[in-house]
N, C-alpha and C. Protein backbone atom coordinates (compact mmCIF):
# COMPACT_ATOMS: atom_id res chain seq x y z
N MET A 1 -59.62 -25.49 46.23
CA MET A 1 -60.12 -24.61 45.39
C MET A 1 -60.48 -23.16 46.29
N LEU A 2 -60.30 -22.47 45.50
CA LEU A 2 -60.58 -21.10 46.10
C LEU A 2 -61.69 -20.91 45.92
N THR A 3 -62.13 -20.46 47.39
CA THR A 3 -63.68 -19.98 47.09
C THR A 3 -63.99 -18.81 47.43
N ASN A 4 -65.21 -18.36 47.47
CA ASN A 4 -65.47 -16.43 47.54
C ASN A 4 -65.12 -16.41 49.14
N GLU A 5 -65.57 -17.43 50.30
CA GLU A 5 -65.15 -17.11 51.24
C GLU A 5 -64.10 -16.64 51.96
N GLN A 6 -63.06 -17.42 51.07
CA GLN A 6 -61.65 -17.27 51.46
C GLN A 6 -61.07 -15.91 50.66
N ILE A 7 -61.68 -15.90 49.57
CA ILE A 7 -60.90 -14.38 49.10
C ILE A 7 -61.53 -13.17 50.10
N LYS A 8 -62.90 -12.82 50.11
CA LYS A 8 -63.07 -12.34 51.09
C LYS A 8 -62.47 -12.42 52.02
N ASN A 9 -61.96 -13.31 52.79
CA ASN A 9 -61.31 -13.25 53.97
C ASN A 9 -59.93 -12.76 54.27
N LYS A 10 -59.30 -12.42 53.23
CA LYS A 10 -58.18 -12.46 52.90
C LYS A 10 -57.58 -10.83 52.51
N LEU A 11 -59.05 -10.63 51.68
CA LEU A 11 -59.18 -8.99 51.70
C LEU A 11 -59.61 -8.07 52.93
N ILE A 12 -60.62 -8.39 53.48
CA ILE A 12 -61.05 -8.19 54.79
C ILE A 12 -59.65 -7.80 55.83
N GLU A 13 -58.87 -9.01 55.94
CA GLU A 13 -57.69 -8.98 56.68
C GLU A 13 -56.95 -8.27 56.13
N LYS A 14 -56.47 -7.59 54.95
CA LYS A 14 -55.87 -6.93 54.29
C LYS A 14 -56.13 -5.52 54.17
N PHE A 15 -57.50 -5.51 54.05
CA PHE A 15 -57.82 -3.95 53.89
C PHE A 15 -58.66 -3.61 54.81
N GLY A 16 -59.32 -4.35 55.89
CA GLY A 16 -60.24 -4.05 56.91
C GLY A 16 -61.31 -3.50 56.30
N ASP A 17 -62.36 -2.65 56.73
CA ASP A 17 -63.54 -2.41 56.69
C ASP A 17 -63.52 -1.31 55.38
N VAL A 18 -62.64 -0.75 54.80
CA VAL A 18 -62.91 0.40 53.32
C VAL A 18 -63.13 -0.53 52.42
N LEU A 19 -63.32 -1.93 52.24
CA LEU A 19 -63.90 -2.47 51.40
C LEU A 19 -65.26 -2.62 51.52
N THR A 20 -66.59 -2.65 51.05
CA THR A 20 -67.69 -2.63 51.65
C THR A 20 -68.34 -3.52 50.73
N ASP A 21 -69.78 -3.54 50.95
CA ASP A 21 -70.95 -4.24 49.95
C ASP A 21 -70.63 -5.34 49.20
N PHE A 22 -70.35 -6.38 50.00
CA PHE A 22 -69.83 -7.79 49.57
C PHE A 22 -71.16 -8.37 49.07
N SER A 23 -71.27 -9.10 47.98
CA SER A 23 -72.67 -10.00 47.79
C SER A 23 -71.84 -10.58 46.92
N GLU A 24 -72.83 -11.96 46.29
CA GLU A 24 -72.33 -12.76 44.97
C GLU A 24 -73.86 -13.23 44.61
N PRO A 25 -73.48 -12.04 43.83
CA PRO A 25 -75.05 -12.46 42.52
C PRO A 25 -74.42 -13.09 41.57
N TYR A 26 -74.95 -14.08 41.19
CA TYR A 26 -74.64 -15.46 40.53
C TYR A 26 -74.02 -16.24 40.90
N GLY A 27 -73.20 -15.74 41.86
CA GLY A 27 -72.31 -16.57 42.42
C GLY A 27 -70.80 -15.97 42.48
N MET A 28 -70.72 -15.02 41.76
CA MET A 28 -69.27 -13.70 41.68
C MET A 28 -69.29 -12.94 43.10
N LEU A 29 -68.18 -13.47 43.56
CA LEU A 29 -68.09 -12.34 44.30
C LEU A 29 -67.85 -10.87 44.31
N THR A 30 -68.59 -10.01 44.91
CA THR A 30 -68.33 -8.38 44.25
C THR A 30 -68.36 -7.73 45.63
N PHE A 31 -67.72 -6.42 45.11
CA PHE A 31 -67.54 -5.69 46.13
C PHE A 31 -67.25 -4.71 45.92
N GLU A 32 -67.15 -3.22 47.08
CA GLU A 32 -66.93 -1.76 46.47
C GLU A 32 -65.54 -1.39 47.09
N ALA A 33 -64.77 -0.47 46.44
CA ALA A 33 -63.44 -0.38 46.86
C ALA A 33 -63.67 1.05 46.96
N PRO A 34 -62.88 1.84 47.63
CA PRO A 34 -62.21 3.26 47.44
C PRO A 34 -61.58 3.92 46.30
N LYS A 35 -62.31 4.73 45.52
CA LYS A 35 -61.16 4.52 44.39
C LYS A 35 -60.07 5.12 44.37
N ASP A 36 -59.45 5.33 45.46
CA ASP A 36 -58.10 6.00 45.54
C ASP A 36 -57.23 4.43 45.88
N LEU A 37 -58.05 3.69 46.23
CA LEU A 37 -57.41 2.50 46.69
C LEU A 37 -57.52 1.27 45.42
N ASN A 38 -57.90 1.49 44.02
CA ASN A 38 -58.24 0.39 43.07
C ASN A 38 -56.99 -0.16 42.62
N LEU A 39 -55.81 0.62 42.79
CA LEU A 39 -54.77 -0.04 42.73
C LEU A 39 -54.14 -1.01 43.43
N LYS A 40 -54.53 -0.62 44.55
CA LYS A 40 -53.77 -1.27 45.98
C LYS A 40 -54.72 -2.63 45.67
N VAL A 41 -55.76 -2.64 45.42
CA VAL A 41 -56.77 -3.61 45.77
C VAL A 41 -56.38 -4.73 44.19
N MET A 42 -56.38 -3.86 43.59
CA MET A 42 -55.96 -4.94 42.59
C MET A 42 -54.47 -5.39 42.74
N GLN A 43 -53.04 -4.85 42.95
CA GLN A 43 -51.73 -5.29 43.24
C GLN A 43 -51.94 -6.32 43.96
N PHE A 44 -53.01 -6.36 45.22
CA PHE A 44 -52.75 -7.67 46.30
C PHE A 44 -53.18 -8.70 45.51
N LEU A 45 -54.70 -8.47 44.68
CA LEU A 45 -55.39 -9.92 44.32
C LEU A 45 -54.14 -10.28 42.90
N TYR A 46 -53.52 -9.45 42.61
CA TYR A 46 -52.75 -10.09 41.60
C TYR A 46 -51.38 -10.87 42.18
N ASP A 47 -50.62 -10.23 43.26
CA ASP A 47 -49.67 -10.53 43.64
C ASP A 47 -50.00 -11.44 44.81
N ASP A 48 -51.03 -11.69 45.40
CA ASP A 48 -50.74 -12.65 46.52
C ASP A 48 -51.09 -14.75 45.74
N ALA A 49 -49.95 -14.94 46.48
CA ALA A 49 -50.20 -16.61 45.66
C ALA A 49 -51.28 -17.46 45.65
N GLU A 50 -52.04 -17.21 46.59
CA GLU A 50 -53.10 -17.98 46.68
C GLU A 50 -54.40 -17.19 46.00
N LEU A 51 -54.44 -15.98 45.79
CA LEU A 51 -55.51 -15.29 45.17
C LEU A 51 -55.30 -15.41 43.55
N GLY A 52 -53.88 -14.75 43.22
CA GLY A 52 -53.85 -15.04 41.74
C GLY A 52 -54.83 -14.78 40.77
N PHE A 53 -55.07 -13.51 40.75
CA PHE A 53 -56.20 -12.61 39.70
C PHE A 53 -55.17 -11.90 39.00
N GLN A 54 -54.61 -12.28 38.15
CA GLN A 54 -53.74 -11.95 37.31
C GLN A 54 -54.14 -12.06 35.70
N PHE A 55 -55.43 -11.99 35.22
CA PHE A 55 -56.33 -11.68 34.33
C PHE A 55 -57.75 -10.80 34.28
N LEU A 56 -57.65 -9.70 33.98
CA LEU A 56 -58.35 -8.62 33.65
C LEU A 56 -59.39 -9.06 32.49
N THR A 57 -60.59 -9.51 32.64
CA THR A 57 -61.46 -9.82 32.10
C THR A 57 -62.05 -8.81 31.24
N ASP A 58 -62.45 -7.67 31.79
CA ASP A 58 -63.24 -6.69 31.33
C ASP A 58 -62.84 -5.56 32.29
N LEU A 59 -62.93 -4.10 32.08
CA LEU A 59 -63.49 -2.69 32.96
C LEU A 59 -64.27 -1.78 31.90
N GLN A 60 -65.45 -1.41 32.65
CA GLN A 60 -66.41 -0.79 31.95
C GLN A 60 -66.95 0.27 32.82
N ALA A 61 -67.46 1.15 32.84
CA ALA A 61 -68.30 2.33 33.58
C ALA A 61 -69.93 1.94 33.37
N VAL A 62 -70.62 2.73 34.49
CA VAL A 62 -71.71 2.59 34.77
C VAL A 62 -72.00 3.80 35.09
N HIS A 63 -73.10 4.61 34.64
CA HIS A 63 -73.45 5.98 35.03
C HIS A 63 -75.01 6.06 35.47
N TYR A 64 -75.11 6.46 36.97
CA TYR A 64 -75.90 6.52 38.00
C TYR A 64 -76.00 7.85 38.12
N PRO A 65 -77.08 8.70 37.16
CA PRO A 65 -77.02 9.94 37.29
C PRO A 65 -77.53 10.93 38.90
N HIS A 66 -78.42 9.86 39.61
CA HIS A 66 -79.18 10.21 40.58
C HIS A 66 -78.44 9.98 42.04
N ASP A 67 -76.79 9.62 42.20
CA ASP A 67 -76.34 8.98 42.98
C ASP A 67 -75.33 10.42 43.08
N LYS A 68 -75.54 11.57 43.74
CA LYS A 68 -74.65 12.59 43.73
C LYS A 68 -73.35 12.00 44.30
N GLY A 69 -72.43 12.64 44.07
CA GLY A 69 -71.58 12.41 44.29
C GLY A 69 -70.57 10.88 43.93
N ARG A 70 -71.22 10.08 43.36
CA ARG A 70 -70.92 8.76 43.01
C ARG A 70 -71.41 8.72 41.40
N GLU A 71 -71.59 9.48 40.82
CA GLU A 71 -72.64 9.12 39.42
C GLU A 71 -71.83 7.55 38.40
N LEU A 72 -70.28 8.02 38.48
CA LEU A 72 -69.48 6.94 37.76
C LEU A 72 -69.22 5.82 38.60
N ALA A 73 -69.08 4.71 38.21
CA ALA A 73 -68.78 3.85 38.57
C ALA A 73 -67.78 2.80 37.53
N VAL A 74 -66.60 2.52 37.92
CA VAL A 74 -65.90 1.85 37.30
C VAL A 74 -65.70 0.55 37.63
N VAL A 75 -66.30 -0.69 36.94
CA VAL A 75 -66.38 -1.70 37.53
C VAL A 75 -65.40 -2.78 36.92
N TYR A 76 -64.61 -3.64 37.53
CA TYR A 76 -63.25 -4.43 37.14
C TYR A 76 -63.89 -5.79 37.39
N HIS A 77 -63.66 -6.50 36.08
CA HIS A 77 -63.44 -7.96 36.30
C HIS A 77 -62.86 -8.56 36.32
N LEU A 78 -62.01 -9.53 37.37
CA LEU A 78 -60.69 -9.96 37.25
C LEU A 78 -61.11 -11.67 37.17
N HIS A 79 -60.30 -12.75 36.77
CA HIS A 79 -59.94 -13.51 36.80
C HIS A 79 -58.76 -14.77 37.15
N ASN A 80 -58.94 -15.70 37.94
CA ASN A 80 -58.05 -16.28 38.95
C ASN A 80 -57.99 -17.49 37.69
N LEU A 81 -56.87 -17.95 36.70
CA LEU A 81 -57.28 -18.63 35.54
C LEU A 81 -56.80 -20.14 35.76
N LYS A 82 -55.79 -20.03 37.01
CA LYS A 82 -55.63 -21.30 37.79
C LYS A 82 -56.64 -21.85 38.20
N ASP A 83 -57.59 -21.58 38.83
CA ASP A 83 -58.84 -22.39 39.81
C ASP A 83 -60.04 -21.59 39.25
N ASN A 84 -59.94 -20.73 37.99
CA ASN A 84 -60.92 -20.58 37.04
C ASN A 84 -62.13 -20.00 38.31
N VAL A 85 -61.65 -18.70 38.46
CA VAL A 85 -62.67 -18.26 39.82
C VAL A 85 -62.64 -16.66 38.73
N ARG A 86 -64.06 -15.95 38.87
CA ARG A 86 -63.80 -14.81 38.63
C ARG A 86 -64.30 -13.79 39.93
N ILE A 87 -64.30 -12.51 40.22
CA ILE A 87 -64.57 -11.63 40.97
C ILE A 87 -64.67 -10.09 40.18
N ARG A 88 -65.64 -9.54 40.73
CA ARG A 88 -65.74 -8.35 40.56
C ARG A 88 -65.64 -7.08 41.71
N PHE A 89 -64.90 -5.89 41.07
CA PHE A 89 -65.07 -4.91 42.47
C PHE A 89 -65.47 -3.90 41.68
N LYS A 90 -66.16 -2.78 42.19
CA LYS A 90 -66.76 -1.35 41.75
C LYS A 90 -65.47 -0.27 42.37
N VAL A 91 -65.69 0.90 41.90
CA VAL A 91 -65.14 2.06 42.26
C VAL A 91 -66.06 3.34 42.22
N PHE A 92 -66.22 4.10 42.67
CA PHE A 92 -67.38 5.01 42.20
C PHE A 92 -66.41 6.48 42.32
N THR A 93 -67.12 7.31 41.82
CA THR A 93 -66.68 8.98 41.18
C THR A 93 -67.39 9.59 41.07
N SER A 94 -67.28 11.19 41.30
CA SER A 94 -68.46 11.97 40.49
C SER A 94 -68.02 12.40 39.39
N ILE A 95 -69.20 13.04 38.88
CA ILE A 95 -69.12 13.07 37.13
C ILE A 95 -68.18 14.31 37.27
N GLU A 96 -68.31 15.24 38.66
CA GLU A 96 -67.64 16.65 38.48
C GLU A 96 -66.10 16.53 38.28
N GLN A 97 -65.47 15.45 38.74
CA GLN A 97 -63.81 15.38 39.18
C GLN A 97 -63.94 13.28 38.94
N PRO A 98 -64.38 13.08 37.69
CA PRO A 98 -64.28 11.82 37.37
C PRO A 98 -62.74 10.69 37.14
N ASP A 99 -61.95 11.37 38.21
CA ASP A 99 -60.64 10.82 37.94
C ASP A 99 -60.28 9.37 38.58
N VAL A 100 -60.01 8.61 37.95
CA VAL A 100 -59.54 6.95 38.62
C VAL A 100 -58.11 6.61 38.04
N PHE A 101 -57.48 6.24 39.06
CA PHE A 101 -56.07 5.49 38.77
C PHE A 101 -55.94 4.56 37.71
N THR A 102 -55.31 5.05 36.42
CA THR A 102 -55.24 3.85 35.49
C THR A 102 -54.72 2.44 36.13
N ALA A 103 -54.99 1.27 35.20
CA ALA A 103 -54.62 0.04 35.76
C ALA A 103 -53.76 -0.57 34.69
N THR A 104 -53.08 0.24 33.70
CA THR A 104 -52.32 -0.02 32.68
C THR A 104 -50.80 -0.75 32.95
N LYS A 105 -50.33 -0.43 34.15
CA LYS A 105 -49.00 -0.66 34.73
C LYS A 105 -49.25 -1.92 34.93
N LEU A 106 -50.22 -2.82 35.77
CA LEU A 106 -50.57 -3.83 36.29
C LEU A 106 -51.19 -4.86 35.22
N TYR A 107 -52.40 -4.45 34.01
CA TYR A 107 -53.03 -5.45 33.19
C TYR A 107 -52.85 -4.14 31.89
N GLU A 108 -52.08 -4.84 30.95
CA GLU A 108 -51.84 -4.03 29.59
C GLU A 108 -53.10 -4.15 29.27
N ALA A 109 -54.00 -5.38 29.21
CA ALA A 109 -55.68 -5.24 28.50
C ALA A 109 -56.21 -3.94 28.92
N ALA A 110 -55.83 -3.28 30.13
CA ALA A 110 -56.75 -1.96 30.48
C ALA A 110 -56.26 -1.08 29.39
N ASN A 111 -55.33 -0.67 28.49
CA ASN A 111 -55.29 0.30 28.17
C ASN A 111 -56.66 0.51 26.82
N TRP A 112 -56.83 -0.29 26.50
CA TRP A 112 -57.99 -0.04 25.44
C TRP A 112 -59.32 -0.03 26.00
N MET A 113 -59.47 -0.61 26.81
CA MET A 113 -60.32 -0.87 27.65
C MET A 113 -60.73 0.60 28.45
N GLU A 114 -59.53 1.03 29.24
CA GLU A 114 -59.77 2.27 29.76
C GLU A 114 -60.20 3.66 28.84
N ARG A 115 -59.61 3.51 27.91
CA ARG A 115 -60.00 4.15 26.23
C ARG A 115 -61.59 4.36 25.80
N GLU A 116 -61.87 3.52 25.86
CA GLU A 116 -63.16 2.89 25.42
C GLU A 116 -64.04 3.75 26.61
N THR A 117 -63.95 3.53 28.01
CA THR A 117 -64.60 3.83 28.86
C THR A 117 -64.49 5.08 29.00
N TYR A 118 -63.09 6.21 28.99
CA TYR A 118 -63.29 7.43 28.89
C TYR A 118 -63.98 7.98 27.73
N ASP A 119 -63.55 7.51 26.13
CA ASP A 119 -64.80 7.68 25.17
C ASP A 119 -66.25 7.72 25.67
N PHE A 120 -66.81 6.91 26.30
CA PHE A 120 -68.10 6.68 26.26
C PHE A 120 -68.75 7.32 27.64
N PHE A 121 -67.76 7.41 28.66
CA PHE A 121 -68.29 8.20 30.00
C PHE A 121 -67.51 8.74 30.58
N GLY A 122 -66.50 9.58 29.95
CA GLY A 122 -65.70 10.19 30.18
C GLY A 122 -64.65 9.99 31.63
N VAL A 123 -64.42 8.76 32.15
CA VAL A 123 -63.53 8.71 33.34
C VAL A 123 -62.38 9.50 33.16
N ASN A 124 -61.55 9.49 33.36
CA ASN A 124 -60.34 10.50 33.68
C ASN A 124 -59.28 9.39 34.39
N PHE A 125 -58.69 8.29 33.24
CA PHE A 125 -57.66 7.77 33.94
C PHE A 125 -56.54 7.73 33.97
N ILE A 126 -56.12 8.22 35.37
CA ILE A 126 -54.53 9.10 35.54
C ILE A 126 -53.80 8.19 35.41
N GLY A 127 -52.33 8.66 34.63
CA GLY A 127 -51.39 7.92 34.73
C GLY A 127 -51.41 6.84 33.14
N HIS A 128 -52.61 7.14 32.39
CA HIS A 128 -52.80 6.33 31.16
C HIS A 128 -51.95 7.14 30.24
N PRO A 129 -51.18 6.17 29.86
CA PRO A 129 -50.21 6.35 28.94
C PRO A 129 -50.76 7.31 27.48
N ASN A 130 -52.21 7.06 26.76
CA ASN A 130 -52.60 7.52 25.73
C ASN A 130 -54.10 7.57 25.82
N LEU A 131 -54.40 8.48 26.87
CA LEU A 131 -56.02 8.27 26.92
C LEU A 131 -56.54 9.16 25.86
N LYS A 132 -57.16 9.00 24.58
CA LYS A 132 -57.89 9.42 23.79
C LYS A 132 -59.03 8.74 23.45
N ARG A 133 -59.73 9.49 23.05
CA ARG A 133 -61.20 8.65 22.39
C ARG A 133 -60.48 7.62 21.23
N VAL A 134 -61.28 6.76 21.32
CA VAL A 134 -60.84 5.59 20.41
C VAL A 134 -61.99 5.31 19.27
N LEU A 135 -63.36 5.47 19.77
CA LEU A 135 -64.09 4.97 18.79
C LEU A 135 -64.69 6.23 18.34
N ASN A 136 -65.35 7.49 18.82
CA ASN A 136 -65.60 8.66 18.43
C ASN A 136 -64.88 9.68 18.39
N VAL A 137 -65.30 10.27 17.16
CA VAL A 137 -64.35 11.69 17.03
C VAL A 137 -63.60 12.66 17.86
N ASP A 138 -62.72 13.11 17.54
CA ASP A 138 -62.07 13.57 18.51
C ASP A 138 -62.83 15.12 19.14
N GLU A 139 -63.82 15.76 18.28
CA GLU A 139 -64.16 16.79 18.39
C GLU A 139 -65.83 16.72 19.36
N MET A 140 -66.28 15.35 19.65
CA MET A 140 -66.84 15.34 20.24
C MET A 140 -67.03 15.81 21.71
N ASP A 141 -67.99 16.48 22.37
CA ASP A 141 -67.91 17.63 23.32
C ASP A 141 -68.86 17.16 24.40
N TYR A 142 -69.09 15.49 24.28
CA TYR A 142 -70.15 14.90 25.22
C TYR A 142 -69.31 13.43 25.12
N PHE A 143 -70.00 12.87 26.07
CA PHE A 143 -69.70 11.19 26.56
C PHE A 143 -71.23 10.63 26.53
N PRO A 144 -71.53 9.62 25.19
CA PRO A 144 -72.46 9.74 25.01
C PRO A 144 -73.32 8.46 25.51
N MET A 145 -72.58 7.81 26.49
CA MET A 145 -73.22 6.65 27.12
C MET A 145 -73.72 6.87 28.64
N ARG A 146 -73.50 8.54 28.72
CA ARG A 146 -74.41 8.73 30.14
C ARG A 146 -75.64 8.91 29.94
N LYS A 147 -76.05 8.58 30.87
CA LYS A 147 -77.55 9.26 31.03
C LYS A 147 -78.24 10.49 30.95
N GLU A 148 -77.73 11.17 30.05
CA GLU A 148 -77.92 12.64 30.01
C GLU A 148 -79.02 12.79 28.96
N PHE A 149 -79.03 12.03 28.16
CA PHE A 149 -80.17 12.35 26.59
C PHE A 149 -80.94 11.20 26.73
N PRO A 150 -81.91 12.00 26.27
CA PRO A 150 -83.13 10.54 26.13
C PRO A 150 -82.72 9.70 24.82
N LEU A 151 -83.30 8.22 24.99
CA LEU A 151 -83.01 7.38 24.32
C LEU A 151 -83.62 8.01 22.55
N GLU A 152 -85.32 8.45 22.82
CA GLU A 152 -85.50 8.90 21.15
C GLU A 152 -85.92 10.63 21.59
N ASP A 153 -85.60 11.16 20.31
CA ASP A 153 -86.43 12.62 20.58
C ASP A 153 -87.74 12.41 20.13
N GLN A 154 -88.54 13.01 21.28
CA GLN A 154 -89.72 12.83 21.75
C GLN A 154 -90.69 13.94 20.41
N THR A 155 -89.84 14.76 19.81
CA THR A 155 -90.82 15.61 18.93
C THR A 155 -90.75 15.38 17.59
N ARG A 156 -90.06 14.08 17.51
CA ARG A 156 -90.16 13.59 15.96
C ARG A 156 -91.72 13.15 15.53
N VAL A 157 -91.86 13.75 14.39
CA VAL A 157 -92.97 13.69 13.33
C VAL A 157 -93.12 12.47 12.40
N ASP A 158 -91.71 11.59 12.19
CA ASP A 158 -91.89 11.45 11.32
C ASP A 158 -92.05 9.14 12.02
N LYS A 159 -92.40 9.91 12.99
CA LYS A 159 -92.34 8.55 13.90
C LYS A 159 -93.75 8.39 14.63
N ASP A 160 -94.58 7.30 14.13
CA ASP A 160 -96.03 7.10 14.35
C ASP A 160 -96.01 5.62 15.51
N ASP A 161 -96.06 5.42 16.61
CA ASP A 161 -96.02 4.73 17.61
C ASP A 161 -97.04 3.73 16.82
N GLU A 162 -97.92 3.59 16.42
CA GLU A 162 -98.91 2.76 15.78
C GLU A 162 -98.39 1.92 14.73
N MET A 163 -97.35 2.52 14.03
CA MET A 163 -96.79 1.62 13.03
C MET A 163 -95.57 0.61 13.78
N PHE A 164 -95.27 0.96 14.74
CA PHE A 164 -94.55 0.09 16.08
C PHE A 164 -94.87 -0.64 16.45
N GLY A 165 -96.21 -1.05 16.94
CA GLY A 165 -96.90 -1.66 17.65
C GLY A 165 -97.29 -1.00 19.20
N ARG A 166 -97.04 0.13 19.26
CA ARG A 166 -97.04 1.17 20.35
C ARG A 166 -98.37 1.77 20.13
N GLY A 167 -99.17 1.43 20.83
CA GLY A 167 -100.78 2.61 21.55
C GLY A 167 -101.27 1.98 19.86
N GLY A 168 -102.67 2.73 19.85
CA GLY A 168 -103.61 2.22 18.70
C GLY A 168 -104.35 1.01 18.92
N SER A 169 -105.08 0.83 17.91
CA SER A 169 -105.88 -0.83 18.02
C SER A 169 -105.16 -1.09 16.30
N PHE A 170 -105.11 -2.10 16.30
CA PHE A 170 -104.86 -3.18 14.75
C PHE A 170 -106.18 -4.07 14.73
N ASN A 171 -107.14 -3.94 13.91
CA ASN A 171 -108.77 -4.49 13.53
C ASN A 171 -108.19 -5.33 12.50
């Protein structure tokens, strides 16, 4: 049975100390890789006979607006179906140049996931065969999942907090 320790050791043996922030939240091995190595890390995880991470479960982004130069994280969830082991790794990029290499050549499932991540976060997946909006209108000039906008318009007068159980007293 493949363990997190075995996976971590193989990754460190192959990539040295460029992979960082190893942890195991809820038992899932998680680590960070430099964005220019995302494909090399995935290819190694895919090709290594013992590791066999040949299924991309999910790919998404997270916006960290206060982390200068690392505002966008692309998060990959990979699955070894034979041993039923999942891992997560992250690459960070700046919001000014949100370029990350596409994983579509290795995982066909990455196609739509990368399009959705581009559509909502603005990550530019270099080499993607058809990187365009998939859910939002083409004319949209912003990326709605970034934390640049308030959740609610605070100037609305048609919303009374007391009607929603926020503030005020109910006798």
